[in-house]
mmCIF file of all heavy atoms, coordinates in Angstrom:
data_MODEL
# 
_entry.id   MODEL 
# 
loop_
_atom_site.group_PDB 
_atom_site.id 
_atom_site.type_symbol 
_atom_site.label_atom_id 
_atom_site.label_alt_id 
_atom_site.label_comp_id 
_atom_site.label_asym_id 
_atom_site.label_entity_id 
_atom_site.label_seq_id 
_atom_site.pdbx_PDB_ins_code 
_atom_site.Cartn_x 
_atom_site.Cartn_y 
_atom_site.Cartn_z 
_atom_site.occupancy 
_atom_site.B_iso_or_equiv 
_atom_site.pdbx_formal_charge 
_atom_site.auth_seq_id 
_atom_site.auth_comp_id 
_atom_site.auth_asym_id 
_atom_site.auth_atom_id 
_atom_site.pdbx_PDB_model_num 
ATOM 1   N N   . VAL A 1 1  ? 0.844   -1.194  0.000   1.00 0.00 ? 1  VAL A N   1 
ATOM 2   C CA  . VAL A 1 1  ? 0.000   0.000   0.000   1.00 0.00 ? 1  VAL A CA  1 
ATOM 3   C C   . VAL A 1 1  ? 0.876   1.240   0.000   1.00 0.00 ? 1  VAL A C   1 
ATOM 4   O O   . VAL A 1 1  ? 1.884   1.303   0.710   1.00 0.00 ? 1  VAL A O   1 
ATOM 5   C CB  . VAL A 1 1  ? -0.934  0.022   1.234   1.00 0.00 ? 1  VAL A CB  1 
ATOM 6   C CG1 . VAL A 1 1  ? -1.584  1.392   1.400   1.00 0.00 ? 1  VAL A CG1 1 
ATOM 7   C CG2 . VAL A 1 1  ? -2.008  -1.040  1.118   1.00 0.00 ? 1  VAL A CG2 1 
ATOM 8   N N   . GLU A 1 2  ? 0.473   2.233   -0.792  1.00 0.00 ? 2  GLU A N   1 
ATOM 9   C CA  . GLU A 1 2  ? 1.089   3.555   -0.753  1.00 0.00 ? 2  GLU A CA  1 
ATOM 10  C C   . GLU A 1 2  ? -0.030  4.589   -0.671  1.00 0.00 ? 2  GLU A C   1 
ATOM 11  O O   . GLU A 1 2  ? -1.059  4.439   -1.330  1.00 0.00 ? 2  GLU A O   1 
ATOM 12  C CB  . GLU A 1 2  ? 1.920   3.823   -2.008  1.00 0.00 ? 2  GLU A CB  1 
ATOM 13  C CG  . GLU A 1 2  ? 3.097   2.884   -2.197  1.00 0.00 ? 2  GLU A CG  1 
ATOM 14  C CD  . GLU A 1 2  ? 3.831   3.131   -3.504  1.00 0.00 ? 2  GLU A CD  1 
ATOM 15  O OE1 . GLU A 1 2  ? 3.593   4.188   -4.135  1.00 0.00 ? 2  GLU A OE1 1 
ATOM 16  O OE2 . GLU A 1 2  ? 4.617   2.262   -3.906  1.00 0.00 ? 2  GLU A OE2 1 
ATOM 17  N N   . VAL A 1 3  ? 0.166   5.629   0.146   1.00 0.00 ? 3  VAL A N   1 
ATOM 18  C CA  . VAL A 1 3  ? -0.811  6.712   0.229   1.00 0.00 ? 3  VAL A CA  1 
ATOM 19  C C   . VAL A 1 3  ? -0.106  8.058   0.162   1.00 0.00 ? 3  VAL A C   1 
ATOM 20  O O   . VAL A 1 3  ? 1.046   8.196   0.560   1.00 0.00 ? 3  VAL A O   1 
ATOM 21  C CB  . VAL A 1 3  ? -1.678  6.649   1.517   1.00 0.00 ? 3  VAL A CB  1 
ATOM 22  C CG1 . VAL A 1 3  ? -2.411  5.332   1.627   1.00 0.00 ? 3  VAL A CG1 1 
ATOM 23  C CG2 . VAL A 1 3  ? -0.846  6.928   2.758   1.00 0.00 ? 3  VAL A CG2 1 
ATOM 24  N N   . ASN A 1 4  ? -0.838  9.032   -0.340  1.00 0.00 ? 4  ASN A N   1 
ATOM 25  C CA  . ASN A 1 4  ? -0.408  10.427  -0.347  1.00 0.00 ? 4  ASN A CA  1 
ATOM 26  C C   . ASN A 1 4  ? -1.605  11.248  0.121   1.00 0.00 ? 4  ASN A C   1 
ATOM 27  O O   . ASN A 1 4  ? -2.594  11.393  -0.605  1.00 0.00 ? 4  ASN A O   1 
ATOM 28  C CB  . ASN A 1 4  ? 0.037   10.860  -1.745  1.00 0.00 ? 4  ASN A CB  1 
ATOM 29  C CG  . ASN A 1 4  ? 0.412   12.331  -1.822  1.00 0.00 ? 4  ASN A CG  1 
ATOM 30  O OD1 . ASN A 1 4  ? 0.426   13.029  -0.803  1.00 0.00 ? 4  ASN A OD1 1 
ATOM 31  N ND2 . ASN A 1 4  ? 0.704   12.811  -3.016  1.00 0.00 ? 4  ASN A ND2 1 
ATOM 32  N N   . LEU A 1 5  ? -1.521  11.778  1.340   1.00 0.00 ? 5  LEU A N   1 
ATOM 33  C CA  . LEU A 1 5  ? -2.646  12.519  1.901   1.00 0.00 ? 5  LEU A CA  1 
ATOM 34  C C   . LEU A 1 5  ? -2.906  13.826  1.172   1.00 0.00 ? 5  LEU A C   1 
ATOM 35  O O   . LEU A 1 5  ? -4.013  14.364  1.237   1.00 0.00 ? 5  LEU A O   1 
ATOM 36  C CB  . LEU A 1 5  ? -2.393  12.825  3.385   1.00 0.00 ? 5  LEU A CB  1 
ATOM 37  C CG  . LEU A 1 5  ? -2.183  11.634  4.315   1.00 0.00 ? 5  LEU A CG  1 
ATOM 38  C CD1 . LEU A 1 5  ? -2.051  12.124  5.754   1.00 0.00 ? 5  LEU A CD1 1 
ATOM 39  C CD2 . LEU A 1 5  ? -3.305  10.619  4.195   1.00 0.00 ? 5  LEU A CD2 1 
ATOM 40  N N   . ASP A 1 6  ? -1.905  14.331  0.471   1.00 0.00 ? 6  ASP A N   1 
ATOM 41  C CA  . ASP A 1 6  ? -2.026  15.609  -0.240  1.00 0.00 ? 6  ASP A CA  1 
ATOM 42  C C   . ASP A 1 6  ? -2.133  15.385  -1.746  1.00 0.00 ? 6  ASP A C   1 
ATOM 43  O O   . ASP A 1 6  ? -1.628  16.173  -2.548  1.00 0.00 ? 6  ASP A O   1 
ATOM 44  C CB  . ASP A 1 6  ? -0.820  16.492  0.088   1.00 0.00 ? 6  ASP A CB  1 
ATOM 45  C CG  . ASP A 1 6  ? -0.691  16.734  1.576   1.00 0.00 ? 6  ASP A CG  1 
ATOM 46  O OD1 . ASP A 1 6  ? -1.674  17.204  2.173   1.00 0.00 ? 6  ASP A OD1 1 
ATOM 47  O OD2 . ASP A 1 6  ? 0.375   16.433  2.140   1.00 0.00 ? 6  ASP A OD2 1 
ATOM 48  N N   . GLY A 1 7  ? -2.817  14.314  -2.109  1.00 0.00 ? 7  GLY A N   1 
ATOM 49  C CA  . GLY A 1 7  ? -2.905  13.938  -3.512  1.00 0.00 ? 7  GLY A CA  1 
ATOM 50  C C   . GLY A 1 7  ? -4.095  14.555  -4.228  1.00 0.00 ? 7  GLY A C   1 
ATOM 51  O O   . GLY A 1 7  ? -4.661  15.563  -3.802  1.00 0.00 ? 7  GLY A O   1 
ATOM 52  N N   . THR A 1 8  ? -4.498  13.898  -5.290  1.00 0.00 ? 8  THR A N   1 
ATOM 53  C CA  . THR A 1 8  ? -5.598  14.368  -6.130  1.00 0.00 ? 8  THR A CA  1 
ATOM 54  C C   . THR A 1 8  ? -6.716  13.333  -6.242  1.00 0.00 ? 8  THR A C   1 
ATOM 55  O O   . THR A 1 8  ? -7.656  13.523  -7.004  1.00 0.00 ? 8  THR A O   1 
ATOM 56  C CB  . THR A 1 8  ? -5.086  14.697  -7.541  1.00 0.00 ? 8  THR A CB  1 
ATOM 57  O OG1 . THR A 1 8  ? -4.528  13.509  -8.128  1.00 0.00 ? 8  THR A OG1 1 
ATOM 58  C CG2 . THR A 1 8  ? -4.022  15.787  -7.496  1.00 0.00 ? 8  THR A CG2 1 
ATOM 59  N N   . GLY A 1 9  ? -6.582  12.232  -5.502  1.00 0.00 ? 9  GLY A N   1 
ATOM 60  C CA  . GLY A 1 9  ? -7.564  11.161  -5.605  1.00 0.00 ? 9  GLY A CA  1 
ATOM 61  C C   . GLY A 1 9  ? -7.212  10.145  -6.671  1.00 0.00 ? 9  GLY A C   1 
ATOM 62  O O   . GLY A 1 9  ? -8.094  9.439   -7.170  1.00 0.00 ? 9  GLY A O   1 
ATOM 63  N N   . ALA A 1 10 ? -5.940  10.030  -7.012  1.00 0.00 ? 10 ALA A N   1 
ATOM 64  C CA  . ALA A 1 10 ? -5.490  9.025   -7.972  1.00 0.00 ? 10 ALA A CA  1 
ATOM 65  C C   . ALA A 1 10 ? -5.412  7.666   -7.271  1.00 0.00 ? 10 ALA A C   1 
ATOM 66  O O   . ALA A 1 10 ? -5.033  7.583   -6.103  1.00 0.00 ? 10 ALA A O   1 
ATOM 67  C CB  . ALA A 1 10 ? -4.131  9.403   -8.542  1.00 0.00 ? 10 ALA A CB  1 
ATOM 68  N N   . TYR A 1 11 ? -5.768  6.610   -7.981  1.00 0.00 ? 11 TYR A N   1 
ATOM 69  C CA  . TYR A 1 11 ? -5.790  5.292   -7.355  1.00 0.00 ? 11 TYR A CA  1 
ATOM 70  C C   . TYR A 1 11 ? -5.317  4.204   -8.310  1.00 0.00 ? 11 TYR A C   1 
ATOM 71  O O   . TYR A 1 11 ? -5.410  4.327   -9.522  1.00 0.00 ? 11 TYR A O   1 
ATOM 72  C CB  . TYR A 1 11 ? -7.194  4.952   -6.853  1.00 0.00 ? 11 TYR A CB  1 
ATOM 73  C CG  . TYR A 1 11 ? -8.273  5.084   -7.898  1.00 0.00 ? 11 TYR A CG  1 
ATOM 74  C CD1 . TYR A 1 11 ? -8.503  4.088   -8.848  1.00 0.00 ? 11 TYR A CD1 1 
ATOM 75  C CD2 . TYR A 1 11 ? -9.083  6.217   -7.943  1.00 0.00 ? 11 TYR A CD2 1 
ATOM 76  C CE1 . TYR A 1 11 ? -9.492  4.219   -9.807  1.00 0.00 ? 11 TYR A CE1 1 
ATOM 77  C CE2 . TYR A 1 11 ? -10.076 6.356   -8.892  1.00 0.00 ? 11 TYR A CE2 1 
ATOM 78  C CZ  . TYR A 1 11 ? -10.276 5.359   -9.825  1.00 0.00 ? 11 TYR A CZ  1 
ATOM 79  O OH  . TYR A 1 11 ? -11.257 5.500   -10.780 1.00 0.00 ? 11 TYR A OH  1 
ATOM 80  N N   . ASP A 1 12 ? -4.809  3.150   -7.699  1.00 0.00 ? 12 ASP A N   1 
ATOM 81  C CA  . ASP A 1 12 ? -4.404  1.938   -8.407  1.00 0.00 ? 12 ASP A CA  1 
ATOM 82  C C   . ASP A 1 12 ? -4.684  0.798   -7.439  1.00 0.00 ? 12 ASP A C   1 
ATOM 83  O O   . ASP A 1 12 ? -3.899  0.544   -6.527  1.00 0.00 ? 12 ASP A O   1 
ATOM 84  C CB  . ASP A 1 12 ? -2.919  2.019   -8.780  1.00 0.00 ? 12 ASP A CB  1 
ATOM 85  C CG  . ASP A 1 12 ? -2.414  0.760   -9.472  1.00 0.00 ? 12 ASP A CG  1 
ATOM 86  O OD1 . ASP A 1 12 ? -3.227  -0.134  -9.772  1.00 0.00 ? 12 ASP A OD1 1 
ATOM 87  O OD2 . ASP A 1 12 ? -1.189  0.676   -9.701  1.00 0.00 ? 12 ASP A OD2 1 
ATOM 88  N N   . VAL A 1 13 ? -5.838  0.153   -7.604  1.00 0.00 ? 13 VAL A N   1 
ATOM 89  C CA  . VAL A 1 13 ? -6.335  -0.787  -6.599  1.00 0.00 ? 13 VAL A CA  1 
ATOM 90  C C   . VAL A 1 13 ? -6.585  -2.150  -7.228  1.00 0.00 ? 13 VAL A C   1 
ATOM 91  O O   . VAL A 1 13 ? -7.256  -2.259  -8.257  1.00 0.00 ? 13 VAL A O   1 
ATOM 92  C CB  . VAL A 1 13 ? -7.644  -0.270  -5.957  1.00 0.00 ? 13 VAL A CB  1 
ATOM 93  C CG1 . VAL A 1 13 ? -8.153  -1.262  -4.911  1.00 0.00 ? 13 VAL A CG1 1 
ATOM 94  C CG2 . VAL A 1 13 ? -7.426  1.102   -5.324  1.00 0.00 ? 13 VAL A CG2 1 
ATOM 95  N N   . SER A 1 14 ? -6.057  -3.173  -6.582  1.00 0.00 ? 14 SER A N   1 
ATOM 96  C CA  . SER A 1 14 ? -6.302  -4.542  -7.027  1.00 0.00 ? 14 SER A CA  1 
ATOM 97  C C   . SER A 1 14 ? -6.313  -5.458  -5.811  1.00 0.00 ? 14 SER A C   1 
ATOM 98  O O   . SER A 1 14 ? -5.258  -5.769  -5.248  1.00 0.00 ? 14 SER A O   1 
ATOM 99  C CB  . SER A 1 14 ? -5.220  -5.001  -8.019  1.00 0.00 ? 14 SER A CB  1 
ATOM 100 O OG  . SER A 1 14 ? -5.422  -6.352  -8.391  1.00 0.00 ? 14 SER A OG  1 
ATOM 101 N N   . THR A 1 15 ? -7.517  -5.842  -5.373  1.00 0.00 ? 15 THR A N   1 
ATOM 102 C CA  . THR A 1 15 ? -7.642  -6.704  -4.201  1.00 0.00 ? 15 THR A CA  1 
ATOM 103 C C   . THR A 1 15 ? -8.060  -8.126  -4.559  1.00 0.00 ? 15 THR A C   1 
ATOM 104 O O   . THR A 1 15 ? -8.020  -9.009  -3.702  1.00 0.00 ? 15 THR A O   1 
ATOM 105 C CB  . THR A 1 15 ? -8.701  -6.146  -3.229  1.00 0.00 ? 15 THR A CB  1 
ATOM 106 O OG1 . THR A 1 15 ? -9.999  -6.236  -3.846  1.00 0.00 ? 15 THR A OG1 1 
ATOM 107 C CG2 . THR A 1 15 ? -8.399  -4.700  -2.855  1.00 0.00 ? 15 THR A CG2 1 
ATOM 108 N N   . GLY A 1 16 ? -8.496  -8.329  -5.789  1.00 0.00 ? 16 GLY A N   1 
ATOM 109 C CA  . GLY A 1 16 ? -9.062  -9.614  -6.171  1.00 0.00 ? 16 GLY A CA  1 
ATOM 110 C C   . GLY A 1 16 ? -10.554 -9.692  -5.950  1.00 0.00 ? 16 GLY A C   1 
ATOM 111 O O   . GLY A 1 16 ? -11.189 -10.693 -6.287  1.00 0.00 ? 16 GLY A O   1 
ATOM 112 N N   . ILE A 1 17 ? -11.138 -8.642  -5.373  1.00 0.00 ? 17 ILE A N   1 
ATOM 113 C CA  . ILE A 1 17 ? -12.586 -8.566  -5.141  1.00 0.00 ? 17 ILE A CA  1 
ATOM 114 C C   . ILE A 1 17 ? -13.080 -7.310  -5.848  1.00 0.00 ? 17 ILE A C   1 
ATOM 115 O O   . ILE A 1 17 ? -12.810 -6.192  -5.400  1.00 0.00 ? 17 ILE A O   1 
ATOM 116 C CB  . ILE A 1 17 ? -12.924 -8.496  -3.638  1.00 0.00 ? 17 ILE A CB  1 
ATOM 117 C CG1 . ILE A 1 17 ? -12.278 -9.657  -2.873  1.00 0.00 ? 17 ILE A CG1 1 
ATOM 118 C CG2 . ILE A 1 17 ? -14.439 -8.501  -3.429  1.00 0.00 ? 17 ILE A CG2 1 
ATOM 119 C CD1 . ILE A 1 17 ? -12.363 -9.513  -1.363  1.00 0.00 ? 17 ILE A CD1 1 
ATOM 120 N N   . GLY A 1 18 ? -13.806 -7.464  -6.923  1.00 0.00 ? 18 GLY A N   1 
ATOM 121 C CA  . GLY A 1 18 ? -14.161 -6.332  -7.775  1.00 0.00 ? 18 GLY A CA  1 
ATOM 122 C C   . GLY A 1 18 ? -14.901 -5.217  -7.048  1.00 0.00 ? 18 GLY A C   1 
ATOM 123 O O   . GLY A 1 18 ? -14.585 -4.040  -7.209  1.00 0.00 ? 18 GLY A O   1 
ATOM 124 N N   . PHE A 1 19 ? -15.892 -5.570  -6.241  1.00 0.00 ? 19 PHE A N   1 
ATOM 125 C CA  . PHE A 1 19 ? -16.676 -4.530  -5.577  1.00 0.00 ? 19 PHE A CA  1 
ATOM 126 C C   . PHE A 1 19 ? -15.855 -3.810  -4.517  1.00 0.00 ? 19 PHE A C   1 
ATOM 127 O O   . PHE A 1 19 ? -15.988 -2.598  -4.331  1.00 0.00 ? 19 PHE A O   1 
ATOM 128 C CB  . PHE A 1 19 ? -17.947 -5.115  -4.949  1.00 0.00 ? 19 PHE A CB  1 
ATOM 129 C CG  . PHE A 1 19 ? -18.934 -4.056  -4.535  1.00 0.00 ? 19 PHE A CG  1 
ATOM 130 C CD1 . PHE A 1 19 ? -19.814 -3.499  -5.457  1.00 0.00 ? 19 PHE A CD1 1 
ATOM 131 C CD2 . PHE A 1 19 ? -18.975 -3.589  -3.228  1.00 0.00 ? 19 PHE A CD2 1 
ATOM 132 C CE1 . PHE A 1 19 ? -20.714 -2.506  -5.081  1.00 0.00 ? 19 PHE A CE1 1 
ATOM 133 C CE2 . PHE A 1 19 ? -19.863 -2.604  -2.847  1.00 0.00 ? 19 PHE A CE2 1 
ATOM 134 C CZ  . PHE A 1 19 ? -20.739 -2.056  -3.775  1.00 0.00 ? 19 PHE A CZ  1 
ATOM 135 N N   . LEU A 1 20 ? -14.972 -4.527  -3.827  1.00 0.00 ? 20 LEU A N   1 
ATOM 136 C CA  . LEU A 1 20 ? -14.088 -3.885  -2.855  1.00 0.00 ? 20 LEU A CA  1 
ATOM 137 C C   . LEU A 1 20 ? -13.145 -2.916  -3.554  1.00 0.00 ? 20 LEU A C   1 
ATOM 138 O O   . LEU A 1 20 ? -12.903 -1.811  -3.058  1.00 0.00 ? 20 LEU A O   1 
ATOM 139 C CB  . LEU A 1 20 ? -13.304 -4.935  -2.069  1.00 0.00 ? 20 LEU A CB  1 
ATOM 140 C CG  . LEU A 1 20 ? -12.329 -4.399  -1.018  1.00 0.00 ? 20 LEU A CG  1 
ATOM 141 C CD1 . LEU A 1 20 ? -13.046 -3.566  0.038   1.00 0.00 ? 20 LEU A CD1 1 
ATOM 142 C CD2 . LEU A 1 20 ? -11.568 -5.562  -0.366  1.00 0.00 ? 20 LEU A CD2 1 
ATOM 143 N N   . ASP A 1 21 ? -12.614 -3.308  -4.720  1.00 0.00 ? 21 ASP A N   1 
ATOM 144 C CA  . ASP A 1 21 ? -11.800 -2.375  -5.512  1.00 0.00 ? 21 ASP A CA  1 
ATOM 145 C C   . ASP A 1 21 ? -12.577 -1.089  -5.772  1.00 0.00 ? 21 ASP A C   1 
ATOM 146 O O   . ASP A 1 21 ? -12.060 0.016   -5.595  1.00 0.00 ? 21 ASP A O   1 
ATOM 147 C CB  . ASP A 1 21 ? -11.439 -2.998  -6.869  1.00 0.00 ? 21 ASP A CB  1 
ATOM 148 C CG  . ASP A 1 21 ? -10.429 -4.123  -6.781  1.00 0.00 ? 21 ASP A CG  1 
ATOM 149 O OD1 . ASP A 1 21 ? -9.920  -4.389  -5.681  1.00 0.00 ? 21 ASP A OD1 1 
ATOM 150 O OD2 . ASP A 1 21 ? -10.161 -4.739  -7.830  1.00 0.00 ? 21 ASP A OD2 1 
ATOM 151 N N   . HIS A 1 22 ? -13.828 -1.242  -6.190  1.00 0.00 ? 22 HIS A N   1 
ATOM 152 C CA  . HIS A 1 22 ? -14.675 -0.093  -6.527  1.00 0.00 ? 22 HIS A CA  1 
ATOM 153 C C   . HIS A 1 22 ? -14.859 0.825   -5.323  1.00 0.00 ? 22 HIS A C   1 
ATOM 154 O O   . HIS A 1 22 ? -14.804 2.054   -5.450  1.00 0.00 ? 22 HIS A O   1 
ATOM 155 C CB  . HIS A 1 22 ? -16.018 -0.607  -7.036  1.00 0.00 ? 22 HIS A CB  1 
ATOM 156 C CG  . HIS A 1 22 ? -16.984 0.443   -7.464  1.00 0.00 ? 22 HIS A CG  1 
ATOM 157 N ND1 . HIS A 1 22 ? -16.647 1.517   -8.252  1.00 0.00 ? 22 HIS A ND1 1 
ATOM 158 C CD2 . HIS A 1 22 ? -18.319 0.585   -7.196  1.00 0.00 ? 22 HIS A CD2 1 
ATOM 159 C CE1 . HIS A 1 22 ? -17.715 2.272   -8.467  1.00 0.00 ? 22 HIS A CE1 1 
ATOM 160 N NE2 . HIS A 1 22 ? -18.746 1.729   -7.825  1.00 0.00 ? 22 HIS A NE2 1 
ATOM 161 N N   . MET A 1 23 ? -15.052 0.262   -4.143  1.00 0.00 ? 23 MET A N   1 
ATOM 162 C CA  . MET A 1 23 ? -15.276 1.071   -2.946  1.00 0.00 ? 23 MET A CA  1 
ATOM 163 C C   . MET A 1 23 ? -13.989 1.787   -2.507  1.00 0.00 ? 23 MET A C   1 
ATOM 164 O O   . MET A 1 23 ? -14.031 2.958   -2.124  1.00 0.00 ? 23 MET A O   1 
ATOM 165 C CB  . MET A 1 23 ? -15.818 0.210   -1.807  1.00 0.00 ? 23 MET A CB  1 
ATOM 166 C CG  . MET A 1 23 ? -17.232 -0.309  -2.027  1.00 0.00 ? 23 MET A CG  1 
ATOM 167 S SD  . MET A 1 23 ? -18.469 1.009   -2.256  1.00 0.00 ? 23 MET A SD  1 
ATOM 168 C CE  . MET A 1 23 ? -18.652 0.990   -4.052  1.00 0.00 ? 23 MET A CE  1 
ATOM 169 N N   . ILE A 1 24 ? -12.849 1.102   -2.566  1.00 0.00 ? 24 ILE A N   1 
ATOM 170 C CA  . ILE A 1 24 ? -11.584 1.754   -2.200  1.00 0.00 ? 24 ILE A CA  1 
ATOM 171 C C   . ILE A 1 24 ? -11.258 2.853   -3.204  1.00 0.00 ? 24 ILE A C   1 
ATOM 172 O O   . ILE A 1 24 ? -10.747 3.922   -2.842  1.00 0.00 ? 24 ILE A O   1 
ATOM 173 C CB  . ILE A 1 24 ? -10.441 0.728   -2.099  1.00 0.00 ? 24 ILE A CB  1 
ATOM 174 C CG1 . ILE A 1 24 ? -10.719 -0.253  -0.949  1.00 0.00 ? 24 ILE A CG1 1 
ATOM 175 C CG2 . ILE A 1 24 ? -9.091  1.426   -1.875  1.00 0.00 ? 24 ILE A CG2 1 
ATOM 176 C CD1 . ILE A 1 24 ? -9.736  -1.416  -0.866  1.00 0.00 ? 24 ILE A CD1 1 
ATOM 177 N N   . GLU A 1 25 ? -11.585 2.621   -4.469  1.00 0.00 ? 25 GLU A N   1 
ATOM 178 C CA  . GLU A 1 25 ? -11.399 3.668   -5.479  1.00 0.00 ? 25 GLU A CA  1 
ATOM 179 C C   . GLU A 1 25 ? -12.274 4.881   -5.181  1.00 0.00 ? 25 GLU A C   1 
ATOM 180 O O   . GLU A 1 25 ? -11.841 6.029   -5.329  1.00 0.00 ? 25 GLU A O   1 
ATOM 181 C CB  . GLU A 1 25 ? -11.715 3.090   -6.865  1.00 0.00 ? 25 GLU A CB  1 
ATOM 182 C CG  . GLU A 1 25 ? -10.677 2.100   -7.365  1.00 0.00 ? 25 GLU A CG  1 
ATOM 183 C CD  . GLU A 1 25 ? -11.142 1.266   -8.554  1.00 0.00 ? 25 GLU A CD  1 
ATOM 184 O OE1 . GLU A 1 25 ? -12.301 1.439   -9.000  1.00 0.00 ? 25 GLU A OE1 1 
ATOM 185 O OE2 . GLU A 1 25 ? -10.357 0.426   -9.030  1.00 0.00 ? 25 GLU A OE2 1 
ATOM 186 N N   . GLN A 1 26 ? -13.517 4.636   -4.756  1.00 0.00 ? 26 GLN A N   1 
ATOM 187 C CA  . GLN A 1 26 ? -14.397 5.747   -4.373  1.00 0.00 ? 26 GLN A CA  1 
ATOM 188 C C   . GLN A 1 26 ? -13.809 6.509   -3.181  1.00 0.00 ? 26 GLN A C   1 
ATOM 189 O O   . GLN A 1 26 ? -13.845 7.750   -3.138  1.00 0.00 ? 26 GLN A O   1 
ATOM 190 C CB  . GLN A 1 26 ? -15.792 5.235   -4.016  1.00 0.00 ? 26 GLN A CB  1 
ATOM 191 C CG  . GLN A 1 26 ? -16.560 4.617   -5.169  1.00 0.00 ? 26 GLN A CG  1 
ATOM 192 C CD  . GLN A 1 26 ? -16.907 5.616   -6.253  1.00 0.00 ? 26 GLN A CD  1 
ATOM 193 O OE1 . GLN A 1 26 ? -16.995 6.821   -6.004  1.00 0.00 ? 26 GLN A OE1 1 
ATOM 194 N NE2 . GLN A 1 26 ? -17.076 5.139   -7.463  1.00 0.00 ? 26 GLN A NE2 1 
ATOM 195 N N   . PHE A 1 27 ? -13.287 5.766   -2.217  1.00 0.00 ? 27 PHE A N   1 
ATOM 196 C CA  . PHE A 1 27 ? -12.662 6.399   -1.055  1.00 0.00 ? 27 PHE A CA  1 
ATOM 197 C C   . PHE A 1 27 ? -11.502 7.293   -1.475  1.00 0.00 ? 27 PHE A C   1 
ATOM 198 O O   . PHE A 1 27 ? -11.383 8.436   -1.035  1.00 0.00 ? 27 PHE A O   1 
ATOM 199 C CB  . PHE A 1 27 ? -12.190 5.330   -0.069  1.00 0.00 ? 27 PHE A CB  1 
ATOM 200 C CG  . PHE A 1 27 ? -11.372 5.866   1.073   1.00 0.00 ? 27 PHE A CG  1 
ATOM 201 C CD1 . PHE A 1 27 ? -11.853 6.897   1.865   1.00 0.00 ? 27 PHE A CD1 1 
ATOM 202 C CD2 . PHE A 1 27 ? -10.120 5.352   1.341   1.00 0.00 ? 27 PHE A CD2 1 
ATOM 203 C CE1 . PHE A 1 27 ? -11.093 7.396   2.926   1.00 0.00 ? 27 PHE A CE1 1 
ATOM 204 C CE2 . PHE A 1 27 ? -9.356  5.841   2.387   1.00 0.00 ? 27 PHE A CE2 1 
ATOM 205 C CZ  . PHE A 1 27 ? -9.841  6.871   3.179   1.00 0.00 ? 27 PHE A CZ  1 
ATOM 206 N N   . SER A 1 28 ? -10.664 6.799   -2.363  1.00 0.00 ? 28 SER A N   1 
ATOM 207 C CA  . SER A 1 28 ? -9.528  7.582   -2.841  1.00 0.00 ? 28 SER A CA  1 
ATOM 208 C C   . SER A 1 28 ? -9.981  8.824   -3.589  1.00 0.00 ? 28 SER A C   1 
ATOM 209 O O   . SER A 1 28 ? -9.556  9.947   -3.288  1.00 0.00 ? 28 SER A O   1 
ATOM 210 C CB  . SER A 1 28 ? -8.642  6.713   -3.748  1.00 0.00 ? 28 SER A CB  1 
ATOM 211 O OG  . SER A 1 28 ? -7.625  7.479   -4.346  1.00 0.00 ? 28 SER A OG  1 
# 
């Protein structure tokens, strides 16, 4: 995992669970 609190909401998510990816992307 990498995070940048001062970012722009860019994401690169792959958990193996499609809906969880979608929710973490929404969070980002």
